[in-house]
C-alpha atoms as a PDB file:
ATOM      1  CA  PRO A   1      81.771  34.374  51.463  1.00  0.00           C
ATOM      2  CA  VAL A   2      80.385  34.086  47.918  1.00  0.00           C
ATOM      3  CA  ILE A   3      78.610  37.397  48.037  1.00  0.00           C
ATOM      4  CA  SER A   4      81.524  39.182  49.671  1.00  0.00           C
ATOM      5  CA  VAL A   5      84.041  37.937  47.078  1.00  0.00           C
ATOM      6  CA  ILE A   6      81.906  39.064  44.155  1.00  0.00           C
ATOM      7  CA  PHE A   7      80.694  42.376  45.598  1.00  0.00           C
ATOM      8  CA  VAL A   8      83.953  43.458  47.203  1.00  0.00           C
ATOM      9  CA  SER A   9      85.905  42.543  44.083  1.00  0.00           C
ATOM     10  CA  GLY A  10      83.388  44.348  41.910  1.00  0.00           C
ATOM     11  CA  TYR A  11      83.554  47.390  44.155  1.00  0.00           C
ATOM     12  CA  ILE A  12      87.351  47.427  43.933  1.00  0.00           C
ATOM     13  CA  LEU A  13      87.117  47.214  40.139  1.00  0.00           C
ATOM     14  CA  GLN A  14      84.650  50.082  39.978  1.00  0.00           C
ATOM     15  CA  CYS A  15      86.804  52.205  42.295  1.00  0.00           C
ATOM     16  CA  ALA A  16      89.723  51.578  39.971  1.00  0.00           C
ATOM     17  CA  GLY A  17      87.619  52.825  37.057  1.00  0.00           C
ATOM     18  CA  GLN A  18      87.066  49.420  35.466  1.00  0.00           C
ATOM     19  CA  GLU A  19      83.827  47.683  34.624  1.00  0.00           C
ATOM     20  CA  LEU A  20      82.476  44.429  35.995  1.00  0.00           C
ATOM     21  CA  THR A  21      82.862  42.155  32.959  1.00  0.00           C
ATOM     22  CA  SER A  22      81.464  38.717  32.247  1.00  0.00           C
ATOM     23  CA  ILE A  23      85.002  37.281  32.138  1.00  0.00           C
ATOM     24  CA  PHE A  24      85.587  38.558  35.670  1.00  0.00           C
ATOM     25  CA  LEU A  25      82.317  37.034  36.862  1.00  0.00           C
ATOM     26  CA  LEU A  26      83.114  33.723  35.145  1.00  0.00           C
ATOM     27  CA  GLY A  27      86.505  33.490  36.815  1.00  0.00           C
ATOM     28  CA  THR A  28      85.092  34.454  40.190  1.00  0.00           C
ATOM     29  CA  LEU A  29      82.152  32.048  40.110  1.00  0.00           C
ATOM     30  CA  VAL A  30      84.165  29.116  38.764  1.00  0.00           C
ATOM     31  CA  GLY A  31      86.905  29.808  41.327  1.00  0.00           C
ATOM     32  CA  LEU A  32      84.368  29.826  44.155  1.00  0.00           C
ATOM     33  CA  GLY A  33      82.814  26.642  42.786  1.00  0.00           C
ATOM     34  CA  MET A  34      86.219  24.993  42.788  1.00  0.00           C
ATOM     35  CA  LEU A  35      86.733  25.963  46.430  1.00  0.00           C
ATOM     36  CA  VAL A  36      83.375  24.409  47.288  1.00  0.00           C
ATOM     37  CA  MET A  37      84.273  21.242  45.374  1.00  0.00           C
ATOM     38  CA  GLY A  38      87.549  21.029  47.293  1.00  0.00           C
ATOM     39  CA  SER A  39      85.575  21.201  50.530  1.00  0.00           C
ATOM     40  CA  VAL A  40      83.273  18.411  49.350  1.00  0.00           C
ATOM     41  CA  LEU A  41      86.206  16.191  48.358  1.00  0.00           C
ATOM     42  CA  TRP A  42      87.992  16.642  51.690  1.00  0.00           C
ATOM     43  CA  ASP A  43      85.521  14.425  53.586  1.00  0.00           C
ATOM     44  CA  CYS A  44      84.133  12.486  50.651  1.00  0.00           C
ATOM     45  CA  LYS A  45      82.786   9.013  51.388  1.00  0.00           C
ATOM     46  CA  LYS A  46      83.557   6.075  49.146  1.00  0.00           C
ATOM     47  CA  ASP A  47      80.007   5.832  47.797  1.00  0.00           C
ATOM     48  CA  SER A  48      79.779   9.542  46.951  1.00  0.00           C
ATOM     49  CA  ARG A  49      79.081  10.678  43.410  1.00  0.00           C
ATOM     50  CA  PHE A  50      81.798  13.322  43.695  1.00  0.00           C
ATOM     51  CA  ALA A  51      84.590  10.920  44.669  1.00  0.00           C
ATOM     52  CA  PHE A  52      87.426  10.080  42.294  1.00  0.00           C
ATOM     53  CA  HIS A  53      87.092   6.372  41.582  1.00  0.00           C
ATOM     54  CA  THR A  54      89.802   4.296  39.957  1.00  0.00           C
ATOM     55  CA  SER A  55      90.565   0.604  40.270  1.00  0.00           C
ATOM     56  CA  ALA A  56      93.368   1.438  42.713  1.00  0.00           C
ATOM     57  CA  THR A  57      91.263   3.683  44.957  1.00  0.00           C
ATOM     58  CA  ASP A  58      88.388   1.196  45.017  1.00  0.00           C
ATOM     59  CA  SER A  59      90.686  -1.573  46.242  1.00  0.00           C
ATOM     60  CA  SER A  60      92.302   0.369  49.112  1.00  0.00           C
ATOM     61  CA  ASP A  61      90.559   2.556  51.686  1.00  0.00           C
ATOM     62  CA  GLU A  62      93.824   4.252  52.618  1.00  0.00           C
ATOM     63  CA  LEU A  63      94.603   5.142  48.990  1.00  0.00           C
ATOM     64  CA  PHE A  64      91.029   6.315  48.454  1.00  0.00           C
ATOM     65  CA  ARG A  65      91.266   8.723  51.391  1.00  0.00           C
ATOM     66  CA  ALA A  66      94.728   9.967  50.342  1.00  0.00           C
ATOM     67  CA  THR A  67      93.528  10.558  46.776  1.00  0.00           C
ATOM     68  CA  GLN A  68      90.469  12.489  47.966  1.00  0.00           C
ATOM     69  CA  ARG A  69      92.626  14.680  50.200  1.00  0.00           C
ATOM     70  CA  PHE A  70      95.087  15.291  47.354  1.00  0.00           C
ATOM     71  CA  ALA A  71      92.195  16.140  45.018  1.00  0.00           C
ATOM     72  CA  ALA A  72      90.800  18.552  47.610  1.00  0.00           C
ATOM     73  CA  TRP A  73      94.127  20.407  47.813  1.00  0.00           C
ATOM     74  CA  VAL A  74      94.335  20.576  44.018  1.00  0.00           C
ATOM     75  CA  TRP A  75      90.798  21.987  43.786  1.00  0.00           C
ATOM     76  CA  TYR A  76      91.539  24.490  46.580  1.00  0.00           C
ATOM     77  CA  ALA A  77      94.738  25.671  44.897  1.00  0.00           C
ATOM     78  CA  ALA A  78      93.127  25.915  41.467  1.00  0.00           C
ATOM     79  CA  GLY A  79      90.151  27.833  42.885  1.00  0.00           C
ATOM     80  CA  LEU A  80      92.390  30.333  44.654  1.00  0.00           C
ATOM     81  CA  ALA A  81      94.567  30.722  41.569  1.00  0.00           C
ATOM     82  CA  LEU A  82      91.494  31.309  39.420  1.00  0.00           C
ATOM     83  CA  LEU A  83      90.184  33.926  41.856  1.00  0.00           C
ATOM     84  CA  ALA A  84      93.571  35.649  41.719  1.00  0.00           C
ATOM     85  CA  CYS A  85      93.491  35.585  37.903  1.00  0.00           C
ATOM     86  CA  ALA A  86      90.030  37.134  37.923  1.00  0.00           C
ATOM     87  CA  MET A  87      91.104  39.838  40.364  1.00  0.00           C
ATOM     88  CA  LEU A  88      94.222  40.666  38.361  1.00  0.00           C
ATOM     89  CA  ASP A  89      92.188  40.962  35.139  1.00  0.00           C
ATOM     90  CA  PHE A  90      93.943  37.969  33.613  1.00  0.00           C
ATOM     91  CA  ASN A  91      92.184  36.109  30.786  1.00  0.00           C
ATOM     92  CA  SER A  92      90.276  33.917  33.238  1.00  0.00           C
ATOM     93  CA  GLN A  93      88.210  31.997  30.696  1.00  0.00           C
ATOM     94  CA  TRP A  94      91.308  30.102  29.546  1.00  0.00           C
ATOM     95  CA  ALA A  95      92.574  29.854  33.111  1.00  0.00           C
ATOM     96  CA  ALA A  96      89.247  28.268  34.086  1.00  0.00           C
ATOM     97  CA  ILE A  97      89.490  25.647  31.345  1.00  0.00           C
ATOM     98  CA  ILE A  98      93.098  24.804  32.220  1.00  0.00           C
ATOM     99  CA  ALA A  99      92.304  24.678  35.954  1.00  0.00           C
ATOM    100  CA  LEU A 100      89.351  22.340  35.442  1.00  0.00           C
ATOM    101  CA  LEU A 101      91.411  19.989  33.260  1.00  0.00           C
ATOM    102  CA  LEU A 102      94.190  19.969  35.833  1.00  0.00           C
ATOM    103  CA  CYS A 103      91.747  19.244  38.640  1.00  0.00           C
ATOM    104  CA  MET A 104      90.327  16.293  36.769  1.00  0.00           C
ATOM    105  CA  ALA A 105      93.643  14.775  35.707  1.00  0.00           C
ATOM    106  CA  ALA A 106      95.874  15.305  38.755  1.00  0.00           C
ATOM    107  CA  PRO A 107      94.021  12.977  41.191  1.00  0.00           C
ATOM    108  CA  SER A 108      94.004  10.172  38.618  1.00  0.00           C
ATOM    109  CA  PHE A 109      97.757  10.440  38.138  1.00  0.00           C
ATOM    110  CA  TYR A 110      98.246  10.634  41.905  1.00  0.00           C
ATOM    111  CA  ALA A 111      96.193   7.466  42.492  1.00  0.00           C
ATOM    112  CA  ARG A 112      97.997   5.662  39.703  1.00  0.00           C
ATOM    113  CA  GLY A 113     101.388   6.648  41.119  1.00  0.00           C
ATOM    114  CA  LYS A 114     100.525   5.738  44.700  1.00  0.00           C
ATOM    115  CA  GLY A 115      98.714   2.546  43.681  1.00  0.00           C
ATOM    116  CA  GLY A 116     101.831   1.230  41.938  1.00  0.00           C
ATOM    117  CA  GLU A 117     103.988   1.527  45.062  1.00  0.00           C
END
């Protein structure tokens, strides 16, 4: 999938008379990386280095699993949005920074909100 996204997208750009720029490649690679991270978070174990740990998620297995699933959906959505930005020739370097910040903050707020219930 990684090769097909980059090569097919690059081919479409070249057919449209545009060049394959570094901003396009950045958005595409970061977007694909975010999709992979979402896949890792979906079935993340509690002792994993990639898991989102807070005091609330460490105290409840149910909240930990819900937070990891929420984080996975956020990373999936951000990765797809970033790929779309790269394909549409949007300024994907700023989109990548915003998407990464969102992906880091959203699960923490989710865990804090669910932990207080």
